[in-house]
């Protein structure tokens, strides 16, 4: 009687230990391709660093539609940043956020910003589109900036 009871248990254990090998090369190449896409999307994030000065300065940038540009700067001894976005192309582009050294954020803003820099450290300006208006902006623009 015990032998009849042990036969189903042994067969269940044996079936759990058999390994099945996946010989589907198409499935493997799809996994590899999706991994490459993930790496490429991480590398496409644009980030620039500017040096805040007391005089107006500018940099020429190119914005890709539906992607944000991140502009980093150190506040040094400045108490305020003045910045504006200039483009020959009429479009939906603005300062979406300013991220402070303590990772708090403020925004959204328009095409120009005058912002008090209460904390010393690294700030980030996030430039993008308003999701509530118009078509996404794609093209060249100028970022003018100065510290006070």
N, C-alpha and C. Protein backbone atom coordinates (compact mmCIF):
# COMPACT_ATOMS: atom_id res chain seq x y z
N UNK A 1 0.82 -1.19 0.00
CA UNK A 1 0.00 0.00 0.00
C UNK A 1 0.86 1.26 0.00
N UNK A 2 1.94 1.22 0.82
CA UNK A 2 2.85 2.36 0.86
C UNK A 2 3.51 2.58 -0.49
N UNK A 3 3.78 1.51 -1.19
CA UNK A 3 4.43 1.62 -2.49
C UNK A 3 3.52 2.34 -3.49
N UNK A 4 2.22 2.06 -3.44
CA UNK A 4 1.29 2.75 -4.34
C UNK A 4 1.20 4.24 -4.03
N UNK A 5 1.34 4.57 -2.77
CA UNK A 5 1.30 5.97 -2.35
C UNK A 5 2.56 6.72 -2.78
N UNK A 6 3.71 6.08 -2.77
CA UNK A 6 4.99 6.71 -3.11
C UNK A 6 5.17 6.90 -4.61
N UNK A 7 4.56 6.09 -5.44
CA UNK A 7 4.73 6.18 -6.90
C UNK A 7 4.26 7.54 -7.43
N UNK A 8 3.08 8.07 -7.08
CA UNK A 8 2.69 9.39 -7.60
C UNK A 8 3.60 10.51 -7.09
N UNK A 9 4.06 10.41 -5.85
CA UNK A 9 4.92 11.45 -5.30
C UNK A 9 6.27 11.47 -6.02
N UNK A 10 6.82 10.31 -6.27
CA UNK A 10 8.10 10.22 -6.97
C UNK A 10 7.96 10.73 -8.40
N UNK A 11 6.89 10.40 -9.07
CA UNK A 11 6.70 10.87 -10.45
C UNK A 11 6.50 12.39 -10.50
N UNK A 12 5.86 12.97 -9.51
CA UNK A 12 5.70 14.44 -9.45
C UNK A 12 7.06 15.10 -9.24
N UNK A 13 7.85 14.55 -8.30
CA UNK A 13 9.18 15.11 -8.06
C UNK A 13 10.07 14.99 -9.29
N UNK A 14 10.00 13.87 -9.98
CA UNK A 14 10.80 13.65 -11.16
C UNK A 14 10.41 14.63 -12.27
N UNK A 15 9.12 14.86 -12.43
CA UNK A 15 8.68 15.77 -13.50
C UNK A 15 9.06 17.22 -13.19
N UNK A 16 9.16 17.59 -11.93
CA UNK A 16 9.57 18.94 -11.56
C UNK A 16 11.04 19.18 -11.83
N UNK A 17 11.86 18.14 -11.80
CA UNK A 17 13.30 18.29 -11.99
C UNK A 17 13.72 18.26 -13.45
N UNK A 18 12.84 17.85 -14.34
CA UNK A 18 13.23 17.82 -15.75
C UNK A 18 13.22 19.24 -16.27
N UNK A 19 14.30 19.59 -16.94
CA UNK A 19 14.39 20.94 -17.46
C UNK A 19 14.02 20.94 -18.93
N UNK A 20 13.37 22.00 -19.32
CA UNK A 20 13.03 22.16 -20.72
C UNK A 20 13.88 23.28 -21.27
N UNK A 21 14.52 23.03 -22.38
CA UNK A 21 15.39 24.02 -22.99
C UNK A 21 14.61 24.73 -24.08
N UNK A 22 14.70 26.06 -24.08
CA UNK A 22 14.01 26.87 -25.07
C UNK A 22 14.91 27.01 -26.28
N UNK A 23 14.55 26.39 -27.37
CA UNK A 23 15.34 26.45 -28.60
C UNK A 23 14.72 27.44 -29.57
N UNK A 24 14.19 28.52 -29.09
CA UNK A 24 13.52 29.50 -29.93
C UNK A 24 14.44 30.70 -30.13
N UNK A 25 15.26 30.74 -31.20
CA UNK A 25 16.21 31.84 -31.39
C UNK A 25 15.51 33.17 -31.67
N UNK A 26 14.32 33.16 -32.22
CA UNK A 26 13.60 34.41 -32.49
C UNK A 26 13.30 35.13 -31.18
N UNK A 27 12.87 34.39 -30.17
CA UNK A 27 12.56 34.98 -28.86
C UNK A 27 13.80 35.62 -28.25
N UNK A 28 14.95 34.94 -28.35
CA UNK A 28 16.19 35.48 -27.79
C UNK A 28 16.60 36.77 -28.48
N UNK A 29 16.47 36.87 -29.80
CA UNK A 29 16.87 38.09 -30.49
C UNK A 29 15.93 39.24 -30.18
N UNK A 30 14.68 38.96 -29.90
CA UNK A 30 13.75 40.02 -29.51
C UNK A 30 14.15 40.60 -28.16
N UNK A 31 14.54 39.75 -27.21
CA UNK A 31 15.00 40.24 -25.91
C UNK A 31 16.22 41.12 -26.07
N UNK A 32 17.17 40.71 -26.90
CA UNK A 32 18.39 41.49 -27.13
C UNK A 32 18.06 42.83 -27.75
N UNK A 33 17.16 42.85 -28.71
CA UNK A 33 16.80 44.11 -29.37
C UNK A 33 16.14 45.07 -28.40
N UNK A 34 15.28 44.57 -27.52
CA UNK A 34 14.63 45.46 -26.58
C UNK A 34 15.63 46.02 -25.58
N UNK A 35 16.66 45.28 -25.25
CA UNK A 35 17.70 45.78 -24.35
C UNK A 35 18.45 46.93 -25.00
N UNK A 36 18.74 46.82 -26.27
CA UNK A 36 19.45 47.88 -26.99
C UNK A 36 18.62 49.15 -27.01
N UNK A 37 17.33 49.02 -27.23
CA UNK A 37 16.45 50.19 -27.26
C UNK A 37 16.47 50.91 -25.93
N UNK A 38 16.44 50.16 -24.84
CA UNK A 38 16.46 50.78 -23.52
C UNK A 38 17.74 51.57 -23.30
N UNK A 39 18.88 51.04 -23.71
CA UNK A 39 20.16 51.73 -23.54
C UNK A 39 20.18 53.00 -24.38
N UNK A 40 19.72 52.92 -25.62
CA UNK A 40 19.70 54.10 -26.49
C UNK A 40 18.82 55.20 -25.93
N UNK A 41 17.67 54.85 -25.35
CA UNK A 41 16.77 55.88 -24.85
C UNK A 41 17.37 56.59 -23.65
N UNK A 42 18.17 55.91 -22.84
CA UNK A 42 18.82 56.55 -21.71
C UNK A 42 19.88 57.53 -22.20
N UNK A 43 20.59 57.18 -23.26
CA UNK A 43 21.66 58.03 -23.76
C UNK A 43 21.12 59.26 -24.50
N UNK A 44 19.85 59.29 -24.86
CA UNK A 44 19.32 60.41 -25.63
C UNK A 44 18.95 61.61 -24.76
N UNK A 45 19.06 61.50 -23.44
CA UNK A 45 18.74 62.62 -22.57
C UNK A 45 19.80 63.70 -22.74
N UNK A 46 19.35 64.93 -23.03
CA UNK A 46 20.28 66.03 -23.25
C UNK A 46 20.48 66.80 -21.96
N UNK A 47 21.73 67.01 -21.59
CA UNK A 47 22.03 67.81 -20.41
C UNK A 47 23.23 68.69 -20.71
N UNK A 48 23.11 69.98 -20.41
CA UNK A 48 24.18 70.95 -20.64
C UNK A 48 24.49 71.63 -19.31
N UNK A 49 25.71 72.11 -19.19
CA UNK A 49 26.13 72.85 -18.00
C UNK A 49 26.53 74.25 -18.45
N UNK A 50 25.99 75.26 -17.76
CA UNK A 50 26.35 76.65 -18.07
C UNK A 50 27.07 77.25 -16.87
N UNK A 51 27.86 78.28 -17.15
CA UNK A 51 28.57 79.00 -16.11
C UNK A 51 27.85 80.33 -15.91
N UNK A 52 27.21 80.50 -14.78
CA UNK A 52 26.45 81.71 -14.49
C UNK A 52 27.40 82.88 -14.28
N UNK A 53 27.14 84.00 -14.97
CA UNK A 53 27.98 85.19 -14.90
C UNK A 53 27.12 86.41 -14.63
N UNK A 54 27.76 87.52 -14.29
CA UNK A 54 27.04 88.77 -14.01
C UNK A 54 26.57 89.45 -15.30
N UNK A 55 27.19 89.15 -16.43
CA UNK A 55 26.78 89.72 -17.71
C UNK A 55 25.92 88.70 -18.46
N UNK A 56 25.12 89.21 -19.40
CA UNK A 56 24.31 88.30 -20.22
C UNK A 56 25.22 87.40 -21.03
N UNK A 57 24.89 86.15 -21.10
CA UNK A 57 25.59 85.16 -21.90
C UNK A 57 24.53 84.33 -22.60
N UNK A 58 24.93 83.56 -23.61
CA UNK A 58 23.94 82.74 -24.29
C UNK A 58 24.59 81.49 -24.87
N UNK A 59 23.77 80.48 -25.08
CA UNK A 59 24.20 79.27 -25.77
C UNK A 59 23.13 78.89 -26.78
N UNK A 60 23.57 78.34 -27.90
CA UNK A 60 22.66 77.86 -28.93
C UNK A 60 22.38 76.38 -28.68
N UNK A 61 21.12 76.02 -28.71
CA UNK A 61 20.72 74.64 -28.44
C UNK A 61 19.73 74.16 -29.50
N UNK A 62 19.58 72.88 -29.59
CA UNK A 62 18.57 72.28 -30.47
C UNK A 62 17.68 71.37 -29.63
N UNK A 63 16.39 71.60 -29.71
CA UNK A 63 15.43 70.83 -28.94
C UNK A 63 14.77 69.80 -29.84
N UNK A 64 14.68 68.60 -29.32
CA UNK A 64 13.99 67.51 -30.01
C UNK A 64 12.56 67.45 -29.49
N UNK A 65 11.63 67.32 -30.41
CA UNK A 65 10.22 67.30 -30.06
C UNK A 65 9.90 66.28 -28.99
N UNK A 66 9.11 66.68 -28.00
CA UNK A 66 8.62 65.85 -26.91
C UNK A 66 9.71 65.39 -25.95
N UNK A 67 10.90 65.98 -26.01
CA UNK A 67 11.96 65.68 -25.06
C UNK A 67 12.34 66.96 -24.33
N UNK A 68 12.74 66.82 -23.09
CA UNK A 68 13.14 67.98 -22.30
C UNK A 68 14.65 68.15 -22.34
N UNK A 69 15.10 69.39 -22.31
CA UNK A 69 16.51 69.71 -22.18
C UNK A 69 16.76 70.10 -20.72
N UNK A 70 17.85 69.63 -20.17
CA UNK A 70 18.22 69.96 -18.80
C UNK A 70 19.48 70.81 -18.82
N UNK A 71 19.38 72.01 -18.24
CA UNK A 71 20.51 72.93 -18.18
C UNK A 71 20.90 73.08 -16.71
N UNK A 72 22.12 72.70 -16.37
CA UNK A 72 22.59 72.76 -14.99
C UNK A 72 23.50 73.97 -14.80
N UNK A 73 23.44 74.54 -13.60
CA UNK A 73 24.34 75.64 -13.25
C UNK A 73 24.53 75.67 -11.74
N UNK A 74 25.64 76.26 -11.33
CA UNK A 74 25.92 76.45 -9.91
C UNK A 74 25.61 77.89 -9.56
N UNK A 75 24.91 78.11 -8.45
CA UNK A 75 24.48 79.46 -8.09
C UNK A 75 25.64 80.35 -7.64
N UNK A 76 26.75 79.77 -7.23
CA UNK A 76 27.91 80.52 -6.71
C UNK A 76 27.43 81.50 -5.66
N UNK A 77 27.74 82.79 -5.82
CA UNK A 77 27.29 83.82 -4.87
C UNK A 77 26.11 84.62 -5.40
N UNK A 78 25.54 84.19 -6.53
CA UNK A 78 24.42 84.93 -7.12
C UNK A 78 23.14 84.68 -6.33
N UNK A 79 22.29 85.70 -6.27
CA UNK A 79 21.02 85.60 -5.54
C UNK A 79 19.82 85.42 -6.47
N UNK A 80 20.05 85.58 -7.79
CA UNK A 80 18.94 85.47 -8.74
C UNK A 80 19.48 85.07 -10.11
N UNK A 81 18.68 84.31 -10.85
CA UNK A 81 18.98 84.02 -12.24
C UNK A 81 17.91 84.68 -13.11
N UNK A 82 18.36 85.30 -14.19
CA UNK A 82 17.48 85.83 -15.22
C UNK A 82 17.79 85.03 -16.48
N UNK A 83 16.77 84.50 -17.12
CA UNK A 83 16.99 83.71 -18.32
C UNK A 83 15.80 83.86 -19.25
N UNK A 84 16.08 83.69 -20.55
CA UNK A 84 14.99 83.72 -21.53
C UNK A 84 15.31 82.81 -22.70
N UNK A 85 14.25 82.33 -23.33
CA UNK A 85 14.35 81.44 -24.48
C UNK A 85 13.98 82.23 -25.73
N UNK A 86 14.84 82.19 -26.73
CA UNK A 86 14.62 82.93 -27.97
C UNK A 86 14.66 81.94 -29.13
N UNK A 87 13.67 82.03 -30.01
CA UNK A 87 13.63 81.15 -31.17
C UNK A 87 13.04 81.90 -32.35
N UNK A 88 13.60 81.69 -33.54
CA UNK A 88 13.02 82.27 -34.74
C UNK A 88 11.71 81.57 -35.09
N UNK A 89 11.59 80.35 -34.68
CA UNK A 89 10.41 79.54 -34.95
C UNK A 89 9.39 79.77 -33.83
N UNK A 90 8.18 80.13 -34.20
CA UNK A 90 7.13 80.28 -33.20
C UNK A 90 6.79 78.88 -32.72
N UNK A 91 6.74 78.71 -31.40
CA UNK A 91 6.47 77.37 -30.94
C UNK A 91 6.20 77.29 -29.45
N UNK A 92 5.90 76.11 -29.05
CA UNK A 92 5.51 75.77 -27.70
C UNK A 92 6.76 75.35 -26.93
N UNK A 93 7.51 76.33 -26.43
CA UNK A 93 8.72 76.05 -25.66
C UNK A 93 8.72 76.96 -24.44
N UNK A 94 9.15 76.42 -23.30
CA UNK A 94 9.13 77.20 -22.06
C UNK A 94 10.06 76.57 -21.03
N UNK A 95 10.25 77.29 -19.92
CA UNK A 95 10.92 76.72 -18.76
C UNK A 95 9.87 75.93 -18.00
N UNK A 96 9.97 74.63 -18.01
CA UNK A 96 8.99 73.80 -17.31
C UNK A 96 9.21 73.82 -15.80
N UNK A 97 10.48 73.71 -15.38
CA UNK A 97 10.77 73.64 -13.94
C UNK A 97 12.16 74.18 -13.66
N UNK A 98 12.36 74.57 -12.42
CA UNK A 98 13.69 74.78 -11.88
C UNK A 98 13.81 73.83 -10.69
N UNK A 99 14.89 73.06 -10.68
CA UNK A 99 15.12 72.10 -9.60
C UNK A 99 16.25 72.64 -8.74
N UNK A 100 15.99 72.75 -7.46
CA UNK A 100 16.94 73.36 -6.52
C UNK A 100 17.93 72.33 -5.97
N UNK A 101 18.99 72.80 -5.31
CA UNK A 101 19.99 71.88 -4.77
C UNK A 101 19.42 70.83 -3.81
N UNK A 102 18.33 71.15 -3.11
CA UNK A 102 17.73 70.18 -2.19
C UNK A 102 16.68 69.30 -2.87
N UNK A 103 16.64 69.31 -4.19
CA UNK A 103 15.75 68.54 -5.08
C UNK A 103 14.30 69.00 -5.06
N UNK A 104 13.96 70.08 -4.36
CA UNK A 104 12.64 70.67 -4.51
C UNK A 104 12.56 71.32 -5.88
N UNK A 105 11.34 71.43 -6.42
CA UNK A 105 11.16 71.98 -7.76
C UNK A 105 10.08 73.05 -7.74
N UNK A 106 10.17 73.96 -8.70
CA UNK A 106 9.17 75.00 -8.87
C UNK A 106 8.90 75.15 -10.35
N UNK A 107 7.69 75.57 -10.70
CA UNK A 107 7.34 75.77 -12.10
C UNK A 107 5.90 75.38 -12.31
N UNK A 108 5.38 75.54 -13.46
CA UNK A 108 6.03 75.93 -14.71
C UNK A 108 6.15 77.45 -14.85
N UNK A 109 6.97 77.85 -15.83
CA UNK A 109 7.19 79.25 -16.14
C UNK A 109 6.92 79.46 -17.62
N UNK A 110 7.18 80.63 -18.11
CA UNK A 110 7.01 80.93 -19.52
C UNK A 110 8.35 80.88 -20.25
N UNK A 111 8.49 81.76 -21.27
CA UNK A 111 9.72 81.81 -22.04
C UNK A 111 10.81 82.62 -21.35
N UNK A 112 10.47 83.28 -20.24
CA UNK A 112 11.50 83.97 -19.47
C UNK A 112 11.28 83.69 -17.99
N UNK A 113 12.37 83.83 -17.24
CA UNK A 113 12.31 83.52 -15.82
C UNK A 113 13.24 84.46 -15.07
N UNK A 114 12.76 84.93 -13.94
CA UNK A 114 13.58 85.65 -12.97
C UNK A 114 13.32 84.93 -11.65
N UNK A 115 14.34 84.23 -11.17
CA UNK A 115 14.12 83.36 -10.02
C UNK A 115 15.17 83.59 -8.95
N UNK A 116 14.71 83.76 -7.72
CA UNK A 116 15.62 83.95 -6.59
C UNK A 116 16.31 82.64 -6.25
N UNK A 117 17.61 82.71 -6.07
CA UNK A 117 18.42 81.55 -5.73
C UNK A 117 18.70 81.59 -4.23
N UNK A 118 17.79 81.02 -3.44
CA UNK A 118 17.88 81.08 -1.98
C UNK A 118 18.94 80.14 -1.41
N UNK A 119 19.29 79.11 -2.15
CA UNK A 119 20.24 78.12 -1.65
C UNK A 119 21.47 78.10 -2.56
N UNK A 120 22.63 77.89 -1.96
CA UNK A 120 23.84 77.72 -2.77
C UNK A 120 23.92 76.28 -3.24
N UNK A 121 24.40 76.11 -4.46
CA UNK A 121 24.56 74.75 -4.98
C UNK A 121 24.15 74.65 -6.43
N UNK A 122 23.94 73.42 -6.88
CA UNK A 122 23.63 73.13 -8.28
C UNK A 122 22.12 73.15 -8.51
N UNK A 123 21.72 73.95 -9.49
CA UNK A 123 20.33 74.05 -9.92
C UNK A 123 20.21 73.44 -11.31
N UNK A 124 18.97 73.09 -11.68
CA UNK A 124 18.70 72.59 -13.03
C UNK A 124 17.48 73.32 -13.59
N UNK A 125 17.61 73.80 -14.81
CA UNK A 125 16.49 74.35 -15.56
C UNK A 125 16.01 73.28 -16.52
N UNK A 126 14.73 72.96 -16.47
CA UNK A 126 14.15 71.97 -17.38
C UNK A 126 13.37 72.73 -18.45
N UNK A 127 13.78 72.58 -19.69
CA UNK A 127 13.15 73.26 -20.82
C UNK A 127 12.37 72.24 -21.62
N UNK A 128 11.10 72.55 -21.87
CA UNK A 128 10.26 71.62 -22.62
C UNK A 128 9.04 72.32 -23.17
N UNK A 129 8.00 71.54 -23.41
CA UNK A 129 6.75 72.07 -23.94
C UNK A 129 5.67 72.06 -22.87
N UNK A 130 4.66 72.88 -23.09
CA UNK A 130 3.45 72.80 -22.29
C UNK A 130 2.58 71.72 -22.92
N UNK A 131 2.10 70.80 -22.11
CA UNK A 131 1.25 69.73 -22.64
C UNK A 131 -0.16 70.24 -22.93
N UNK A 132 -0.47 71.44 -22.45
CA UNK A 132 -1.83 71.97 -22.59
C UNK A 132 -2.01 72.85 -23.83
N UNK A 133 -0.93 73.16 -24.54
CA UNK A 133 -1.10 74.07 -25.68
C UNK A 133 -0.22 73.67 -26.85
N UNK A 134 -0.75 73.83 -28.03
CA UNK A 134 0.01 73.74 -29.27
C UNK A 134 0.76 72.45 -29.51
N UNK A 135 1.48 72.49 -30.62
CA UNK A 135 2.29 71.35 -31.04
C UNK A 135 3.63 71.36 -30.31
N UNK A 136 4.24 70.21 -30.15
CA UNK A 136 5.56 70.16 -29.51
C UNK A 136 6.59 70.95 -30.32
N UNK A 137 7.53 71.56 -29.62
CA UNK A 137 8.57 72.36 -30.27
C UNK A 137 9.71 71.46 -30.72
N UNK A 138 10.17 71.69 -31.94
CA UNK A 138 11.31 70.98 -32.47
C UNK A 138 12.14 71.98 -33.26
N UNK A 139 13.37 72.23 -32.85
CA UNK A 139 14.20 73.16 -33.60
C UNK A 139 15.24 73.84 -32.73
N UNK A 140 15.90 74.82 -33.35
CA UNK A 140 16.97 75.55 -32.68
C UNK A 140 16.40 76.67 -31.82
N UNK A 141 17.09 76.95 -30.72
CA UNK A 141 16.72 78.06 -29.87
C UNK A 141 17.96 78.56 -29.14
N UNK A 142 17.85 79.74 -28.57
CA UNK A 142 18.94 80.35 -27.82
C UNK A 142 18.49 80.50 -26.38
N UNK A 143 19.36 80.12 -25.47
CA UNK A 143 19.14 80.35 -24.04
C UNK A 143 20.03 81.50 -23.63
N UNK A 144 19.42 82.63 -23.23
CA UNK A 144 20.15 83.77 -22.69
C UNK A 144 20.02 83.72 -21.17
N UNK A 145 21.12 84.04 -20.46
CA UNK A 145 21.08 83.94 -19.01
C UNK A 145 22.11 84.86 -18.37
N UNK A 146 21.83 85.25 -17.14
CA UNK A 146 22.80 85.98 -16.33
C UNK A 146 22.42 85.83 -14.86
N UNK A 147 23.41 86.00 -14.00
CA UNK A 147 23.18 85.96 -12.56
C UNK A 147 23.23 87.35 -11.97
N UNK A 148 22.51 87.55 -10.89
CA UNK A 148 22.53 88.84 -10.20
C UNK A 148 22.82 88.63 -8.74
